[in-house]
Amino acid sequence: MKIILILILCSFLSLGGCSALPSFEKYTQSWVGHSIEQKKKASAYPHAYGKGWKETTYTLDNGNWVYVEKHKPDCFIHWEVDPQGFIVGYKLVGKCP
């Protein structure tokens, strides 16, 4: 019985380092390969950081373009988008997690 309790305790402790929420890095990486329209729809809900934010885009020399998303007051995600409208990468700008 003592061994079973020790095993259960050890399993709970080993799970303690895991988070139910994905890391910010995993979040951003998970959008690579998706369409920018899907991303825009997912971010369309009203939230404090996006209020008053004007959609910002710019073009790159390689033919791709960038959609800038305000994640927090001092954190912006620059989503790189290919001509077909798919996210191919991103860059974090500012004080991001």
Protein backbone atom coordinates (compact mmCIF):
# COMPACT_ATOMS: atom_id res chain seq x y z
CA MET A 1 0.00 0.00 0.00
CA LYS A 2 2.85 2.35 0.85
CA ILE A 3 4.47 1.71 -2.52
CA ILE A 4 1.23 2.52 -4.36
CA LEU A 5 0.91 5.82 -2.51
CA ILE A 6 4.52 6.68 -3.33
CA LEU A 7 3.94 5.87 -7.01
CA ILE A 8 0.81 7.99 -7.11
CA LEU A 9 2.60 10.88 -5.42
CA CYS A 10 5.52 10.61 -7.85
CA SER A 11 3.18 10.64 -10.84
CA PHE A 12 1.44 13.79 -9.56
CA LEU A 13 4.80 15.48 -9.00
CA SER A 14 6.02 14.59 -12.46
CA LEU A 15 2.88 16.10 -13.99
CA GLY A 16 3.26 19.27 -11.95
CA GLY A 17 5.72 20.73 -14.43
CA CYS A 18 3.26 20.34 -17.28
CA SER A 19 0.89 23.15 -18.03
CA ALA A 20 -2.63 22.75 -19.34
CA LEU A 21 -2.11 25.91 -21.39
CA PRO A 22 0.23 25.79 -24.37
CA SER A 23 3.29 27.98 -24.27
CA PHE A 24 3.32 31.18 -26.29
CA GLU A 25 5.95 29.67 -28.58
CA LYS A 26 3.76 26.62 -29.26
CA TYR A 27 0.79 28.94 -29.85
CA THR A 28 2.59 30.98 -32.50
CA GLN A 29 4.17 27.92 -34.14
CA SER A 30 0.78 26.23 -34.33
CA TRP A 31 -0.49 28.93 -36.70
CA VAL A 32 2.25 28.36 -39.28
CA GLY A 33 0.62 26.66 -42.26
CA HIS A 34 -2.85 28.04 -41.58
CA SER A 35 -4.49 30.75 -43.64
CA ILE A 36 -4.23 34.31 -42.40
CA GLU A 37 -8.01 34.58 -42.74
CA GLN A 38 -8.42 31.78 -40.18
CA LYS A 39 -6.08 33.66 -37.86
CA LYS A 40 -7.97 36.93 -38.30
CA LYS A 41 -11.28 35.23 -37.53
CA ALA A 42 -9.82 33.57 -34.43
CA SER A 43 -8.55 36.94 -33.22
CA ALA A 44 -11.71 38.87 -34.04
CA TYR A 45 -13.27 38.57 -30.59
CA PRO A 46 -13.21 41.82 -28.63
CA HIS A 47 -10.34 41.98 -26.16
CA ALA A 48 -8.58 44.76 -24.32
CA TYR A 49 -5.33 44.64 -26.29
CA GLY A 50 -6.97 44.94 -29.69
CA LYS A 51 -9.23 47.88 -28.94
CA GLY A 52 -8.33 50.81 -31.10
CA TRP A 53 -5.79 48.77 -33.04
CA LYS A 54 -5.79 49.51 -36.75
CA GLU A 55 -4.98 46.55 -38.97
CA THR A 56 -1.38 46.87 -40.06
CA THR A 57 0.34 45.12 -42.96
CA TYR A 58 3.51 45.60 -44.97
CA THR A 59 5.17 43.86 -47.90
CA LEU A 60 8.48 42.04 -47.97
CA ASP A 61 11.07 41.89 -50.77
CA ASN A 62 10.56 38.12 -51.15
CA GLY A 63 6.95 38.54 -52.36
CA ASN A 64 5.39 37.73 -49.00
CA TRP A 65 3.61 40.23 -46.78
CA VAL A 66 3.22 40.69 -43.04
CA TYR A 67 0.11 40.99 -40.91
CA VAL A 68 0.81 42.64 -37.55
CA GLU A 69 -1.27 41.44 -34.61
CA LYS A 70 -1.26 43.23 -31.26
CA HIS A 71 -0.95 40.50 -28.64
CA LYS A 72 -0.36 42.69 -25.58
CA PRO A 73 0.30 46.41 -25.10
CA ASP A 74 4.04 45.94 -25.74
CA CYS A 75 3.96 42.70 -27.74
CA PHE A 76 3.25 42.37 -31.45
CA ILE A 77 3.25 39.27 -33.62
CA HIS A 78 4.36 39.89 -37.20
CA TRP A 79 2.83 37.01 -39.18
CA GLU A 80 4.61 36.41 -42.50
CA VAL A 81 2.10 35.42 -45.17
CA ASP A 82 2.79 33.96 -48.62
CA PRO A 83 0.98 35.16 -51.78
CA GLN A 84 -1.56 32.33 -51.40
CA GLY A 85 -2.56 33.66 -47.96
CA PHE A 86 -0.87 31.09 -45.73
CA ILE A 87 1.23 31.91 -42.67
CA VAL A 88 4.82 30.81 -43.32
CA GLY A 89 6.49 32.32 -40.26
CA TYR A 90 6.37 34.98 -37.60
CA LYS A 91 8.50 37.41 -35.64
CA LEU A 92 7.84 38.69 -32.14
CA VAL A 93 8.38 42.39 -31.59
CA GLY A 94 8.45 44.07 -28.20
CA LYS A 95 8.16 42.57 -24.74
CA CYS A 96 6.58 39.24 -25.58
CA PRO A 97 6.29 36.17 -23.37
